[in-house]
Amino acid sequence: MPERLQALFAMTAQNMPHIFPPEVLARLCEHVEIDPTLVAQDFTDPRVRETLARTEVLVTGWGCPVLDAAALDAAPKLRAVLHAAGSVKGFTTPEVWRRGIVVSSAAAANALPVAEYTLAMILLTGKDVFAFRDQLRTRRAFPYGGIVPGVGNLHRRVGIVGASRIGRRLIELLRPHDLSAALSDPYVDEAEAARLGVPLLPLDDLLRTSDVVTVHAPQTPETRHLLGARELALMPDGSVLINTARGSLVDHDALVEELRTGRLTAILDVTDPEPLPADSPLFDLPNAFLTPHLAGSQGNELARLGRTVVEEAGRLLTGAGLRHAIDHTALERTA
């Protein structure tokens, strides 16, 4: 067995034991030598800098300090960054790539709970669960007599905006259900869409023909207000918008105006700004359902992120290629 690699945690300290509970931490320690009592939140801290000098692997997570030239100068042996979360944009810099440091992300592991949340919301809105719950609470009696027309999930069209890891995982989760899916993504061609098993549509066509539109595109300058007043107006009456990506992808002012007409329903796990101001009309609109950015990994799901890092550390130790290595040339168009 090769000698273990020297490693250091770099993330928000209170997150570390949730991402690396005892059994996951024990597995990580089979591949790296790491002090669980030292979690770097500031690369200028003297104790951190002493450890950085011999660190070969940074195990990062939410709250990792920025890896700028000064931080990297203090870590001359650093060869890999294993990120126990999704996007690495917030803390990596061009200097990381210039120095040939490989970076891996647990974004694929974090995609699953977001896709599960989205699937759950698709199925629940198909039954108009949230509206009927409110009516039942108000009337204290069944708000309908027998069969409810206009609801149901049979052959509903789900329009997926963005073939991200989450979008692709959602396509997989939709397959056992009597739902149909379509995709819009400017970076996907017909052949790739065929491999995914979904038709590829221009965004306008997808919006016009979908019962549910779910947003899984990255936040970039080009995707700001990707769904504005014009795009939202294309959605059919009674359709549902789900956003678990980033709040800035939807023009909230335009969305509020559409929701006030009663035409659409919105399921928003992310908003812009986040959190919303207390006087936002989205809190009071009956056809807006808000959750506090919890679709991603929470609670016991965090250990899945840690397990991904453990697997990557094992591959790094044995010289195998990282399974979830980041292609930095594609960062501009990814989350």
Protein backbone atom coordinates (compact mmCIF):
# COMPACT_ATOMS: atom_id res chain seq x y z
CA MET A 1 0.00 0.00 0.00
CA PRO A 2 1.47 3.42 -0.92
CA GLU A 3 2.29 5.81 1.88
CA ARG A 4 -0.67 7.96 2.86
CA LEU A 5 -0.87 11.46 1.45
CA GLN A 6 -0.55 14.51 3.69
CA ALA A 7 -3.88 16.35 3.76
CA LEU A 8 -5.65 19.30 5.34
CA PHE A 9 -9.33 20.19 5.75
CA ALA A 10 -10.33 23.63 4.43
CA MET A 11 -13.99 24.52 4.94
CA THR A 12 -16.42 25.89 7.50
CA ALA A 13 -15.41 24.03 10.66
CA GLN A 14 -18.91 23.15 11.82
CA ASN A 15 -19.65 21.43 8.50
CA MET A 16 -16.74 19.02 8.65
CA PRO A 17 -18.18 16.45 11.12
CA HIS A 18 -21.43 16.31 9.16
CA ILE A 19 -19.67 15.68 5.85
CA PHE A 20 -17.15 13.33 7.47
CA PRO A 21 -18.95 11.50 10.28
CA PRO A 22 -16.79 8.95 12.15
CA GLU A 23 -17.18 6.06 9.73
CA VAL A 24 -16.47 8.24 6.68
CA LEU A 25 -13.55 9.98 8.41
CA ALA A 26 -12.05 6.58 9.27
CA ARG A 27 -12.20 5.58 5.61
CA LEU A 28 -10.61 8.87 4.54
CA CYS A 29 -7.76 8.29 6.99
CA GLU A 30 -6.93 5.04 5.18
CA HIS A 31 -5.79 7.17 2.25
CA VAL A 32 -4.56 10.42 3.80
CA GLU A 33 -2.91 11.59 6.98
CA ILE A 34 -5.16 14.39 8.22
CA ASP A 35 -5.84 16.11 11.53
CA PRO A 36 -9.62 16.33 12.07
CA THR A 37 -9.10 18.97 14.76
CA LEU A 38 -7.52 21.39 12.28
CA VAL A 39 -9.94 22.83 9.75
CA ALA A 40 -8.53 25.74 7.77
CA GLN A 41 -10.82 28.74 7.53
CA ASP A 42 -7.99 31.24 7.06
CA PHE A 43 -4.84 30.30 5.18
CA THR A 44 -2.85 32.98 7.05
CA ASP A 45 -3.41 31.31 10.43
CA PRO A 46 0.06 30.26 11.73
CA ARG A 47 -0.98 26.69 12.59
CA VAL A 48 -2.65 26.30 9.19
CA ARG A 49 0.40 27.67 7.37
CA GLU A 50 2.66 25.20 9.16
CA THR A 51 0.48 22.32 7.95
CA LEU A 52 0.08 23.80 4.46
CA ALA A 53 3.84 23.58 3.97
CA ARG A 54 3.60 19.78 3.83
CA THR A 55 0.08 19.40 2.45
CA GLU A 56 -0.33 17.38 -0.71
CA VAL A 57 -4.14 17.24 -0.73
CA LEU A 58 -6.67 19.84 0.37
CA VAL A 59 -10.04 18.43 1.37
CA THR A 60 -12.33 21.38 0.84
CA GLY A 61 -16.00 22.21 1.35
CA TRP A 62 -18.36 25.14 1.72
CA GLY A 63 -16.48 28.05 3.26
CA CYS A 64 -13.05 27.14 1.87
CA PRO A 65 -10.81 30.23 1.77
CA VAL A 66 -9.74 31.46 -1.67
CA LEU A 67 -6.81 29.59 -3.18
CA ASP A 68 -4.91 32.59 -4.48
CA ALA A 69 -1.20 32.82 -5.23
CA ALA A 70 -0.29 33.62 -1.62
CA ALA A 71 -2.13 30.57 -0.29
CA LEU A 72 -0.63 28.33 -2.95
CA ASP A 73 2.88 29.67 -2.29
CA ALA A 74 2.41 28.44 1.28
CA ALA A 75 1.55 24.96 -0.06
CA PRO A 76 4.43 24.07 -2.40
CA LYS A 77 3.64 20.33 -2.27
CA LEU A 78 -0.06 20.68 -3.06
CA ARG A 79 -1.09 18.43 -5.94
CA ALA A 80 -4.84 17.98 -5.56
CA VAL A 81 -7.97 19.64 -4.21
CA LEU A 82 -10.84 17.28 -3.37
CA HIS A 83 -14.00 19.33 -2.92
CA ALA A 84 -16.76 17.85 -0.74
CA ALA A 85 -19.43 20.06 -2.30
CA GLY A 86 -20.53 21.25 -5.73
CA SER A 87 -19.16 24.31 -7.50
CA VAL A 88 -15.47 25.18 -7.10
CA LYS A 89 -15.83 28.65 -8.63
CA GLY A 90 -16.04 30.41 -5.29
CA PHE A 91 -12.55 29.53 -4.07
CA THR A 92 -10.40 28.45 -7.02
CA THR A 93 -8.43 30.99 -9.03
CA PRO A 94 -6.55 30.78 -12.35
CA GLU A 95 -3.40 30.23 -10.31
CA VAL A 96 -4.67 26.78 -9.30
CA TRP A 97 -4.84 25.65 -12.91
CA ARG A 98 -1.58 27.35 -13.89
CA ARG A 99 0.22 25.28 -11.26
CA GLY A 100 -1.22 22.03 -12.57
CA ILE A 101 -3.17 21.21 -9.40
CA VAL A 102 -5.99 18.75 -10.10
CA VAL A 103 -9.39 19.57 -8.66
CA SER A 104 -12.25 17.16 -8.04
CA SER A 105 -15.82 17.96 -7.02
CA ALA A 106 -18.64 16.04 -5.34
CA ALA A 107 -21.17 17.86 -7.54
CA ALA A 108 -22.44 14.55 -8.92
CA ALA A 109 -23.23 13.34 -5.40
CA ASN A 110 -24.96 16.63 -4.59
CA ALA A 111 -27.01 16.36 -7.79
CA LEU A 112 -29.03 13.41 -6.50
CA PRO A 113 -30.94 15.12 -3.65
CA VAL A 114 -31.69 18.11 -5.89
CA ALA A 115 -33.06 15.80 -8.58
CA GLU A 116 -35.07 13.92 -5.93
CA TYR A 117 -36.54 17.19 -4.60
CA THR A 118 -37.45 18.21 -8.14
CA LEU A 119 -39.11 14.87 -8.91
CA ALA A 120 -41.11 15.10 -5.69
CA MET A 121 -42.32 18.59 -6.58
CA ILE A 122 -43.25 17.51 -10.10
CA LEU A 123 -45.41 14.70 -8.75
CA LEU A 124 -46.97 16.78 -5.99
CA THR A 125 -47.86 19.69 -8.28
CA GLY A 126 -49.39 17.22 -10.71
CA LYS A 127 -52.00 16.55 -8.03
CA ASP A 128 -52.19 20.28 -7.17
CA VAL A 129 -51.32 19.20 -3.64
CA PHE A 130 -50.36 22.60 -2.30
CA ALA A 131 -53.58 24.34 -3.38
CA PHE A 132 -55.77 21.51 -2.09
CA ARG A 133 -53.88 21.47 1.20
CA ASP A 134 -54.63 25.16 1.67
CA GLN A 135 -58.28 24.69 0.75
CA LEU A 136 -58.63 21.77 3.14
CA ARG A 137 -57.06 23.78 5.95
CA THR A 138 -59.43 26.69 5.31
CA ARG A 139 -62.67 24.74 4.85
CA ARG A 140 -61.96 21.86 7.26
CA ALA A 141 -63.83 19.70 4.75
CA PHE A 142 -63.02 18.14 1.39
CA PRO A 143 -62.80 20.95 -1.18
CA TYR A 144 -64.17 18.72 -3.95
CA GLY A 145 -66.81 16.10 -4.41
CA GLY A 146 -65.40 12.89 -5.83
CA ILE A 147 -63.27 13.14 -8.98
CA VAL A 148 -61.04 16.20 -9.48
CA PRO A 149 -60.72 17.16 -13.14
CA GLY A 150 -57.62 18.83 -14.47
CA VAL A 151 -55.06 17.13 -12.22
CA GLY A 152 -52.86 14.06 -12.56
CA ASN A 153 -49.41 13.05 -13.70
CA LEU A 154 -50.25 10.81 -16.66
CA HIS A 155 -48.22 11.96 -19.69
CA ARG A 156 -47.38 15.37 -18.25
CA ARG A 157 -44.53 17.01 -20.18
CA VAL A 158 -41.56 18.05 -18.05
CA GLY A 159 -39.33 20.63 -19.71
CA ILE A 160 -35.76 20.55 -18.37
CA VAL A 161 -33.73 23.71 -18.84
CA GLY A 162 -30.06 22.70 -18.68
CA ALA A 163 -28.37 19.33 -19.07
CA SER A 164 -26.35 19.82 -15.91
CA ARG A 165 -25.54 16.92 -13.60
CA ILE A 166 -28.85 17.61 -11.88
CA GLY A 167 -30.77 17.88 -15.13
CA ARG A 168 -29.33 14.56 -16.32
CA ARG A 169 -30.03 12.86 -13.01
CA LEU A 170 -33.61 14.11 -13.16
CA ILE A 171 -34.01 12.58 -16.61
CA GLU A 172 -33.00 9.23 -15.08
CA LEU A 173 -35.43 9.60 -12.17
CA LEU A 174 -38.32 10.46 -14.49
CA ARG A 175 -38.01 7.24 -16.53
CA PRO A 176 -40.08 4.92 -14.27
CA HIS A 177 -42.99 7.37 -14.31
CA ASP A 178 -45.69 7.97 -16.92
CA LEU A 179 -44.24 11.38 -17.64
CA SER A 180 -42.46 12.66 -20.73
CA ALA A 181 -39.38 14.85 -20.68
CA ALA A 182 -37.83 17.34 -23.08
CA LEU A 183 -34.55 19.23 -22.84
CA SER A 184 -33.30 22.67 -23.80
CA ASP A 185 -29.57 23.33 -23.62
CA PRO A 186 -27.47 25.30 -26.16
CA TYR A 187 -24.43 23.12 -25.45
CA VAL A 188 -26.16 19.80 -26.20
CA ASP A 189 -26.57 18.45 -29.74
CA GLU A 190 -29.18 16.07 -31.12
CA ALA A 191 -26.90 13.04 -30.77
CA GLU A 192 -26.26 13.68 -27.09
CA ALA A 193 -29.94 14.33 -26.43
CA ALA A 194 -30.73 11.01 -28.11
CA ARG A 195 -28.27 9.29 -25.79
CA LEU A 196 -30.07 10.91 -22.87
CA GLY A 197 -33.36 9.67 -24.29
CA VAL A 198 -35.09 13.05 -24.57
CA PRO A 199 -36.03 15.36 -27.44
CA LEU A 200 -33.99 18.54 -27.73
CA LEU A 201 -35.99 21.74 -28.15
CA PRO A 202 -35.28 25.46 -28.45
CA LEU A 203 -36.10 27.17 -25.17
CA ASP A 204 -39.20 28.92 -26.52
CA ASP A 205 -40.65 25.67 -27.84
CA LEU A 206 -39.93 23.90 -24.57
CA LEU A 207 -41.69 26.64 -22.61
CA ARG A 208 -44.75 26.56 -24.89
CA THR A 209 -45.19 22.79 -24.71
CA SER A 210 -44.36 21.87 -21.10
CA ASP A 211 -46.69 21.33 -18.18
CA VAL A 212 -43.72 21.73 -15.83
CA VAL A 213 -40.56 23.75 -16.51
CA THR A 214 -37.67 22.97 -14.18
CA VAL A 215 -34.48 25.03 -14.22
CA HIS A 216 -31.08 23.33 -13.94
CA ALA A 217 -28.79 25.72 -15.81
CA PRO A 218 -25.67 27.32 -14.29
CA GLN A 219 -25.48 30.89 -13.07
CA THR A 220 -23.47 32.85 -15.63
CA PRO A 221 -23.77 36.37 -17.06
CA GLU A 222 -25.57 34.84 -20.06
CA THR A 223 -28.19 33.05 -17.95
CA ARG A 224 -29.19 36.00 -15.78
CA HIS A 225 -32.98 36.37 -16.18
CA LEU A 226 -32.97 33.52 -18.66
CA LEU A 227 -36.68 33.34 -17.86
CA GLY A 228 -38.01 36.88 -18.05
CA ALA A 229 -41.41 38.36 -18.83
CA ARG A 230 -41.37 37.23 -22.47
CA GLU A 231 -40.35 33.66 -21.63
CA LEU A 232 -42.78 33.27 -18.72
CA ALA A 233 -45.62 34.48 -20.93
CA LEU A 234 -44.95 31.53 -23.24
CA MET A 235 -45.76 29.00 -20.52
CA PRO A 236 -49.28 27.52 -20.79
CA ASP A 237 -52.00 28.39 -18.32
CA GLY A 238 -51.85 26.05 -15.34
CA SER A 239 -48.20 25.14 -15.83
CA VAL A 240 -45.57 25.00 -13.09
CA LEU A 241 -42.13 26.59 -12.82
CA ILE A 242 -39.57 24.91 -10.54
CA ASN A 243 -36.24 26.57 -9.78
CA THR A 244 -33.57 24.74 -7.79
CA ALA A 245 -30.64 26.27 -9.68
CA ARG A 246 -29.99 29.92 -8.84
CA GLY A 247 -32.48 32.68 -8.22
CA SER A 248 -30.94 35.02 -10.78
CA LEU A 249 -32.02 32.76 -13.65
CA VAL A 250 -35.61 33.94 -13.18
CA ASP A 251 -36.71 37.58 -13.30
CA HIS A 252 -38.59 37.71 -10.00
CA ASP A 253 -40.48 40.91 -10.83
CA ALA A 254 -41.81 39.32 -14.00
CA LEU A 255 -42.61 36.11 -12.14
CA VAL A 256 -44.59 37.97 -9.49
CA GLU A 257 -46.69 39.64 -12.21
CA GLU A 258 -47.44 36.27 -13.81
CA LEU A 259 -48.28 34.67 -10.48
CA ARG A 260 -50.66 37.50 -9.62
CA THR A 261 -52.72 36.56 -12.68
CA GLY A 262 -53.10 33.04 -11.30
CA ARG A 263 -51.87 31.50 -14.57
CA LEU A 264 -48.81 29.76 -13.18
CA THR A 265 -47.54 28.04 -10.06
CA ALA A 266 -43.93 28.49 -8.90
CA ILE A 267 -41.84 26.21 -6.71
CA LEU A 268 -38.76 28.17 -5.65
CA ASP A 269 -35.96 26.68 -3.59
CA VAL A 270 -33.68 29.55 -4.64
CA THR A 271 -34.42 33.24 -4.98
CA ASP A 272 -32.75 36.51 -5.92
CA PRO A 273 -31.83 37.92 -3.49
CA GLU A 274 -31.42 35.09 -1.05
CA PRO A 275 -33.07 35.19 1.38
CA LEU A 276 -35.88 37.35 0.07
CA PRO A 277 -36.74 40.60 1.88
CA ALA A 278 -39.52 40.11 4.41
CA ASP A 279 -41.94 42.20 2.33
CA SER A 280 -41.52 40.15 -0.86
CA PRO A 281 -44.93 39.35 -2.38
CA LEU A 282 -43.70 35.83 -3.10
CA PHE A 283 -44.27 34.96 0.57
CA ASP A 284 -47.98 35.72 0.31
CA LEU A 285 -48.95 34.60 -3.18
CA PRO A 286 -50.96 31.37 -2.86
CA ASN A 287 -49.45 29.93 -6.04
CA ALA A 288 -45.84 30.46 -4.90
CA PHE A 289 -44.31 27.69 -2.78
CA LEU A 290 -40.96 28.64 -1.23
CA THR A 291 -38.37 26.47 0.47
CA PRO A 292 -35.13 27.78 2.06
CA HIS A 293 -32.46 26.48 -0.37
CA LEU A 294 -32.64 22.94 0.98
CA ALA A 295 -32.90 20.85 -2.18
CA GLY A 296 -29.17 20.12 -2.09
CA SER A 297 -27.48 17.82 0.40
CA GLN A 298 -28.76 18.22 3.95
CA GLY A 299 -28.55 16.16 7.14
CA ASN A 300 -27.50 12.57 6.52
CA GLU A 301 -27.10 13.31 2.79
CA LEU A 302 -23.92 15.25 3.58
CA ALA A 303 -22.05 12.02 4.24
CA ARG A 304 -22.53 11.13 0.55
CA LEU A 305 -20.29 14.10 -0.28
CA GLY A 306 -17.66 12.84 2.14
CA ARG A 307 -17.81 9.35 0.64
CA THR A 308 -17.18 10.82 -2.79
CA VAL A 309 -14.02 12.49 -1.49
CA VAL A 310 -12.91 9.22 0.13
CA GLU A 311 -13.21 7.44 -3.22
CA GLU A 312 -11.28 10.19 -4.98
CA ALA A 313 -8.54 10.11 -2.32
CA GLY A 314 -8.18 6.38 -2.87
CA ARG A 315 -7.82 6.87 -6.61
CA LEU A 316 -5.29 9.63 -6.06
CA LEU A 317 -3.24 7.46 -3.74
CA THR A 318 -3.08 4.56 -6.19
CA GLY A 319 -2.41 6.73 -9.22
CA ALA A 320 -5.77 6.19 -10.85
CA GLY A 321 -7.38 9.14 -12.55
CA LEU A 322 -9.89 11.15 -10.57
CA ARG A 323 -13.46 10.20 -11.48
CA HIS A 324 -14.86 13.67 -10.86
CA ALA A 325 -12.01 15.89 -12.05
CA ILE A 326 -12.95 19.43 -13.03
CA ASP A 327 -12.30 20.62 -16.56
CA HIS A 328 -11.35 24.21 -15.86
CA THR A 329 -11.79 25.19 -19.51
CA ALA A 330 -15.54 24.54 -19.13
CA LEU A 331 -16.00 26.47 -15.86
CA GLU A 332 -17.44 29.53 -17.60
CA ARG A 333 -20.49 27.56 -18.68
CA THR A 334 -20.92 25.27 -15.69
CA ALA A 335 -22.05 25.78 -12.11
